Amino acid sequence: MKRRALLLLLLVLLALPLFSLPERPSVTPPTAPTSFTINVKNADSWSIPIKIAVLLTFLSLLPTILIVLTAFTRIVISFHFLRQAMGSGETPPNQVIVGLSLFLTLFVMTPTFNAIYQEAYVPYEQGKINETEALNKAAGPLKTFMLGQTREKDLEFMINLSKSPRVHD
């Protein structure tokens, strides 16, 4: 019995190559490029993938920008205190307060947005300035708005705290 099992195992092992898969044709691996060329006709312009990355980054940071660079936070806090002062509990709900705050923020920020549009976006669209200059010009009206919302005493405290030199406009 052992001899038969051993003989059968030997026959199977010998016949195994007959049942193997056919060989595949050899495939040459792709070769790496040996040189790269970069088109430098318009060095000031950003490529489309970079523009998409900047746009997606801006959209993901939009809630933070809304909270930090606009009057939204002040308006929401004021509505919260007003609701508490009226003693109405949770009426109106938070969604209504946030919606009203967004509307009023748009109303309050319209002059700043118009200034950014006129000073930065319109010249950029007309091709008079590049992206970097447009961003720098857009920062001007926003800085003016933010400085108008900051008390001089608080600004001086933060400058002293950071040990930065005092900047005069």
C-alpha atoms as a PDB file:
ATOM      1  CA  MET A   1       0.000   0.000   0.000  1.00  0.00           C
ATOM      2  CA  LYS A   2       2.810   2.378   0.839  1.00  0.00           C
ATOM      3  CA  ARG A   3       4.548   1.525  -2.407  1.00  0.00           C
ATOM      4  CA  ARG A   4       1.450   2.297  -4.435  1.00  0.00           C
ATOM      5  CA  ALA A   5       0.961   5.662  -2.692  1.00  0.00           C
ATOM      6  CA  LEU A   6       4.614   6.512  -3.204  1.00  0.00           C
ATOM      7  CA  LEU A   7       4.451   5.476  -6.871  1.00  0.00           C
ATOM      8  CA  LEU A   8       1.268   7.506  -7.393  1.00  0.00           C
ATOM      9  CA  LEU A   9       2.873  10.588  -5.779  1.00  0.00           C
ATOM     10  CA  LEU A  10       5.944  10.161  -7.999  1.00  0.00           C
ATOM     11  CA  LEU A  11       3.770   9.925 -11.141  1.00  0.00           C
ATOM     12  CA  VAL A  12       1.819  13.044 -10.152  1.00  0.00           C
ATOM     13  CA  LEU A  13       5.020  14.970  -9.560  1.00  0.00           C
ATOM     14  CA  LEU A  14       6.406  13.858 -12.903  1.00  0.00           C
ATOM     15  CA  ALA A  15       3.180  14.718 -14.744  1.00  0.00           C
ATOM     16  CA  LEU A  16       2.819  18.103 -13.076  1.00  0.00           C
ATOM     17  CA  PRO A  17       4.792  20.021 -15.737  1.00  0.00           C
ATOM     18  CA  LEU A  18       2.349  18.720 -18.370  1.00  0.00           C
ATOM     19  CA  PHE A  19      -0.534  20.546 -16.638  1.00  0.00           C
ATOM     20  CA  SER A  20       1.269  23.826 -16.046  1.00  0.00           C
ATOM     21  CA  LEU A  21       0.041  27.132 -17.485  1.00  0.00           C
ATOM     22  CA  PRO A  22       1.415  28.267 -20.814  1.00  0.00           C
ATOM     23  CA  GLU A  23       4.206  30.762 -20.629  1.00  0.00           C
ATOM     24  CA  ARG A  24       3.338  34.391 -21.046  1.00  0.00           C
ATOM     25  CA  PRO A  25       5.192  36.454 -23.571  1.00  0.00           C
ATOM     26  CA  SER A  26       7.840  38.569 -21.950  1.00  0.00           C
ATOM     27  CA  VAL A  27       6.902  42.199 -21.392  1.00  0.00           C
ATOM     28  CA  THR A  28       9.561  44.833 -21.370  1.00  0.00           C
ATOM     29  CA  PRO A  29       9.235  47.167 -18.401  1.00  0.00           C
ATOM     30  CA  PRO A  30       8.595  50.828 -19.162  1.00  0.00           C
ATOM     31  CA  THR A  31      11.653  53.005 -19.235  1.00  0.00           C
ATOM     32  CA  ALA A  32      11.996  56.265 -17.377  1.00  0.00           C
ATOM     33  CA  PRO A  33      12.285  59.443 -19.419  1.00  0.00           C
ATOM     34  CA  THR A  34      15.842  60.633 -19.828  1.00  0.00           C
ATOM     35  CA  SER A  35      15.057  64.344 -20.080  1.00  0.00           C
ATOM     36  CA  PHE A  36      12.366  66.783 -19.011  1.00  0.00           C
ATOM     37  CA  THR A  37      11.316  69.956 -20.763  1.00  0.00           C
ATOM     38  CA  ILE A  38       9.593  72.835 -19.047  1.00  0.00           C
ATOM     39  CA  ASN A  39       7.699  75.476 -20.985  1.00  0.00           C
ATOM     40  CA  VAL A  40       8.688  78.858 -19.560  1.00  0.00           C
ATOM     41  CA  LYS A  41       6.802  81.150 -21.948  1.00  0.00           C
ATOM     42  CA  ASN A  42       4.601  82.630 -19.222  1.00  0.00           C
ATOM     43  CA  ALA A  43       6.445  82.238 -15.916  1.00  0.00           C
ATOM     44  CA  ASP A  44       4.044  84.549 -14.033  1.00  0.00           C
ATOM     45  CA  SER A  45       1.039  82.328 -14.676  1.00  0.00           C
ATOM     46  CA  TRP A  46       0.120  79.433 -12.399  1.00  0.00           C
ATOM     47  CA  SER A  47      -0.531  76.030 -13.940  1.00  0.00           C
ATOM     48  CA  ILE A  48      -4.057  74.615 -13.855  1.00  0.00           C
ATOM     49  CA  PRO A  49      -3.291  71.934 -11.211  1.00  0.00           C
ATOM     50  CA  ILE A  50      -1.806  74.631  -8.954  1.00  0.00           C
ATOM     51  CA  LYS A  51      -4.884  76.808  -9.484  1.00  0.00           C
ATOM     52  CA  ILE A  52      -7.144  73.867  -8.592  1.00  0.00           C
ATOM     53  CA  ALA A  53      -5.100  73.138  -5.459  1.00  0.00           C
ATOM     54  CA  VAL A  54      -5.304  76.798  -4.410  1.00  0.00           C
ATOM     55  CA  LEU A  55      -9.065  76.856  -5.047  1.00  0.00           C
ATOM     56  CA  LEU A  56      -9.667  73.674  -3.039  1.00  0.00           C
ATOM     57  CA  THR A  57      -7.499  74.990  -0.217  1.00  0.00           C
ATOM     58  CA  PHE A  58      -9.433  78.246  -0.227  1.00  0.00           C
ATOM     59  CA  LEU A  59     -12.766  76.410  -0.156  1.00  0.00           C
ATOM     60  CA  SER A  60     -11.656  74.226   2.737  1.00  0.00           C
ATOM     61  CA  LEU A  61     -10.469  77.285   4.668  1.00  0.00           C
ATOM     62  CA  LEU A  62     -13.567  79.357   3.833  1.00  0.00           C
ATOM     63  CA  PRO A  63     -15.334  78.708   7.171  1.00  0.00           C
ATOM     64  CA  THR A  64     -12.195  79.759   9.041  1.00  0.00           C
ATOM     65  CA  ILE A  65     -11.854  82.851   6.861  1.00  0.00           C
ATOM     66  CA  LEU A  66     -15.505  83.696   7.513  1.00  0.00           C
ATOM     67  CA  ILE A  67     -15.034  83.456  11.269  1.00  0.00           C
ATOM     68  CA  VAL A  68     -11.670  85.192  11.506  1.00  0.00           C
ATOM     69  CA  LEU A  69     -11.765  87.919   8.841  1.00  0.00           C
ATOM     70  CA  THR A  70     -15.374  89.140   8.942  1.00  0.00           C
ATOM     71  CA  ALA A  71     -17.893  90.520  11.401  1.00  0.00           C
ATOM     72  CA  PHE A  72     -19.621  87.112  11.582  1.00  0.00           C
ATOM     73  CA  THR A  73     -18.368  86.225  15.061  1.00  0.00           C
ATOM     74  CA  ARG A  74     -19.441  89.549  16.548  1.00  0.00           C
ATOM     75  CA  ILE A  75     -22.896  89.256  15.032  1.00  0.00           C
ATOM     76  CA  VAL A  76     -23.416  85.664  16.222  1.00  0.00           C
ATOM     77  CA  ILE A  77     -22.327  86.580  19.753  1.00  0.00           C
ATOM     78  CA  SER A  78     -24.628  89.622  19.757  1.00  0.00           C
ATOM     79  CA  PHE A  79     -27.588  87.501  18.650  1.00  0.00           C
ATOM     80  CA  HIS A  80     -26.776  84.927  21.315  1.00  0.00           C
ATOM     81  CA  PHE A  81     -26.748  87.586  24.043  1.00  0.00           C
ATOM     82  CA  LEU A  82     -29.969  89.071  22.658  1.00  0.00           C
ATOM     83  CA  ARG A  83     -31.657  85.654  22.797  1.00  0.00           C
ATOM     84  CA  GLN A  84     -30.477  85.135  26.366  1.00  0.00           C
ATOM     85  CA  ALA A  85     -31.596  88.646  27.383  1.00  0.00           C
ATOM     86  CA  MET A  86     -35.084  88.002  26.009  1.00  0.00           C
ATOM     87  CA  GLY A  87     -35.230  84.810  28.078  1.00  0.00           C
ATOM     88  CA  SER A  88     -36.607  82.825  25.161  1.00  0.00           C
ATOM     89  CA  GLY A  89     -34.460  79.730  25.791  1.00  0.00           C
ATOM     90  CA  GLU A  90     -33.577  78.146  22.481  1.00  0.00           C
ATOM     91  CA  THR A  91     -35.939  80.252  20.370  1.00  0.00           C
ATOM     92  CA  PRO A  92     -34.907  81.172  17.724  1.00  0.00           C
ATOM     93  CA  PRO A  93     -32.815  78.055  17.078  1.00  0.00           C
ATOM     94  CA  ASN A  94     -29.095  78.247  16.380  1.00  0.00           C
ATOM     95  CA  GLN A  95     -29.626  77.638  12.640  1.00  0.00           C
ATOM     96  CA  VAL A  96     -31.747  80.783  12.412  1.00  0.00           C
ATOM     97  CA  ILE A  97     -29.183  82.819  14.331  1.00  0.00           C
ATOM     98  CA  VAL A  98     -26.367  81.592  12.082  1.00  0.00           C
ATOM     99  CA  GLY A  99     -28.451  82.288   8.954  1.00  0.00           C
ATOM    100  CA  LEU A 100     -29.262  85.827  10.082  1.00  0.00           C
ATOM    101  CA  SER A 101     -25.618  86.338  11.013  1.00  0.00           C
ATOM    102  CA  LEU A 102     -24.464  85.225   7.556  1.00  0.00           C
ATOM    103  CA  PHE A 103     -26.910  87.634   5.911  1.00  0.00           C
ATOM    104  CA  LEU A 104     -25.853  90.548   8.116  1.00  0.00           C
ATOM    105  CA  THR A 105     -22.178  89.675   7.619  1.00  0.00           C
ATOM    106  CA  LEU A 106     -22.669  89.902   3.866  1.00  0.00           C
ATOM    107  CA  PHE A 107     -24.422  93.243   4.346  1.00  0.00           C
ATOM    108  CA  VAL A 108     -21.664  94.626   6.615  1.00  0.00           C
ATOM    109  CA  MET A 109     -18.811  93.290   4.472  1.00  0.00           C
ATOM    110  CA  THR A 110     -20.219  94.428   1.092  1.00  0.00           C
ATOM    111  CA  PRO A 111     -18.121  97.647   0.942  1.00  0.00           C
ATOM    112  CA  THR A 112     -14.953  95.666   1.683  1.00  0.00           C
ATOM    113  CA  PHE A 113     -15.844  92.987  -0.880  1.00  0.00           C
ATOM    114  CA  ASN A 114     -16.581  95.678  -3.488  1.00  0.00           C
ATOM    115  CA  ALA A 115     -13.210  97.322  -2.830  1.00  0.00           C
ATOM    116  CA  ILE A 116     -11.435  93.967  -3.212  1.00  0.00           C
ATOM    117  CA  TYR A 117     -13.366  93.326  -6.428  1.00  0.00           C
ATOM    118  CA  GLN A 118     -12.510  96.720  -7.932  1.00  0.00           C
ATOM    119  CA  GLU A 119      -8.877  96.914  -6.801  1.00  0.00           C
ATOM    120  CA  ALA A 120      -7.764  93.304  -7.240  1.00  0.00           C
ATOM    121  CA  TYR A 121     -10.150  91.113  -9.232  1.00  0.00           C
ATOM    122  CA  VAL A 122     -11.020  93.453 -12.120  1.00  0.00           C
ATOM    123  CA  PRO A 123      -7.351  94.276 -12.973  1.00  0.00           C
ATOM    124  CA  TYR A 124      -6.483  90.583 -12.662  1.00  0.00           C
ATOM    125  CA  GLU A 125      -9.275  89.561 -15.041  1.00  0.00           C
ATOM    126  CA  GLN A 126      -8.182  92.231 -17.528  1.00  0.00           C
ATOM    127  CA  GLY A 127      -4.651  90.816 -17.405  1.00  0.00           C
ATOM    128  CA  LYS A 128      -3.108  93.994 -15.999  1.00  0.00           C
ATOM    129  CA  ILE A 129      -1.727  92.247 -12.900  1.00  0.00           C
ATOM    130  CA  ASN A 130      -0.739  88.674 -12.045  1.00  0.00           C
ATOM    131  CA  GLU A 131      -2.080  86.425  -9.274  1.00  0.00           C
ATOM    132  CA  THR A 132       0.444  87.500  -6.651  1.00  0.00           C
ATOM    133  CA  GLU A 133      -0.209  91.192  -7.202  1.00  0.00           C
ATOM    134  CA  ALA A 134      -3.956  90.552  -7.091  1.00  0.00           C
ATOM    135  CA  LEU A 135      -3.639  88.791  -3.730  1.00  0.00           C
ATOM    136  CA  ASN A 136      -1.526  91.629  -2.356  1.00  0.00           C
ATOM    137  CA  LYS A 137      -4.023  94.246  -3.574  1.00  0.00           C
ATOM    138  CA  ALA A 138      -6.933  92.252  -2.111  1.00  0.00           C
ATOM    139  CA  ALA A 139      -5.250  92.273   1.292  1.00  0.00           C
ATOM    140  CA  GLY A 140      -5.358  96.092   1.499  1.00  0.00           C
ATOM    141  CA  PRO A 141      -9.127  96.621   1.949  1.00  0.00           C
ATOM    142  CA  LEU A 142      -9.320  93.594   4.241  1.00  0.00           C
ATOM    143  CA  LYS A 143      -6.539  94.961   6.460  1.00  0.00           C
ATOM    144  CA  THR A 144      -8.303  98.323   6.570  1.00  0.00           C
ATOM    145  CA  PHE A 145     -11.530  96.644   7.697  1.00  0.00           C
ATOM    146  CA  MET A 146      -9.778  94.514  10.304  1.00  0.00           C
ATOM    147  CA  LEU A 147      -7.834  97.457  11.747  1.00  0.00           C
ATOM    148  CA  GLY A 148     -11.112  99.383  12.003  1.00  0.00           C
ATOM    149  CA  GLN A 149     -12.485  96.555  14.180  1.00  0.00           C
ATOM    150  CA  THR A 150      -9.475  96.426  16.516  1.00  0.00           C
ATOM    151  CA  ARG A 151      -9.022  98.680  19.527  1.00  0.00           C
ATOM    152  CA  GLU A 152      -5.736 100.576  19.599  1.00  0.00           C
ATOM    153  CA  LYS A 153      -5.044  99.358  23.144  1.00  0.00           C
ATOM    154  CA  ASP A 154      -5.463  95.678  22.125  1.00  0.00           C
ATOM    155  CA  LEU A 155      -3.283  96.126  19.051  1.00  0.00           C
ATOM    156  CA  GLU A 156      -0.552  97.767  21.125  1.00  0.00           C
ATOM    157  CA  PHE A 157      -0.748  94.933  23.684  1.00  0.00           C
ATOM    158  CA  MET A 158      -0.286  92.280  20.981  1.00  0.00           C
ATOM    159  CA  ILE A 159       2.638  94.163  19.413  1.00  0.00           C
ATOM    160  CA  ASN A 160       4.350  94.476  22.812  1.00  0.00           C
ATOM    161  CA  LEU A 161       3.649  90.812  23.566  1.00  0.00           C
ATOM    162  CA  SER A 162       5.269  89.678  20.313  1.00  0.00           C
ATOM    163  CA  LYS A 163       8.193  92.098  20.844  1.00  0.00           C
ATOM    164  CA  SER A 164       7.747  93.337  17.272  1.00  0.00           C
ATOM    165  CA  PRO A 165       8.684  96.831  16.162  1.00  0.00           C
ATOM    166  CA  ARG A 166       5.772  99.249  16.003  1.00  0.00           C
ATOM    167  CA  VAL A 167       4.426  99.812  12.469  1.00  0.00           C
ATOM    168  CA  HIS A 168       3.023 103.202  11.454  1.00  0.00           C
ATOM    169  CA  ASP A 169       0.724 103.628   8.442  1.00  0.00           C
END
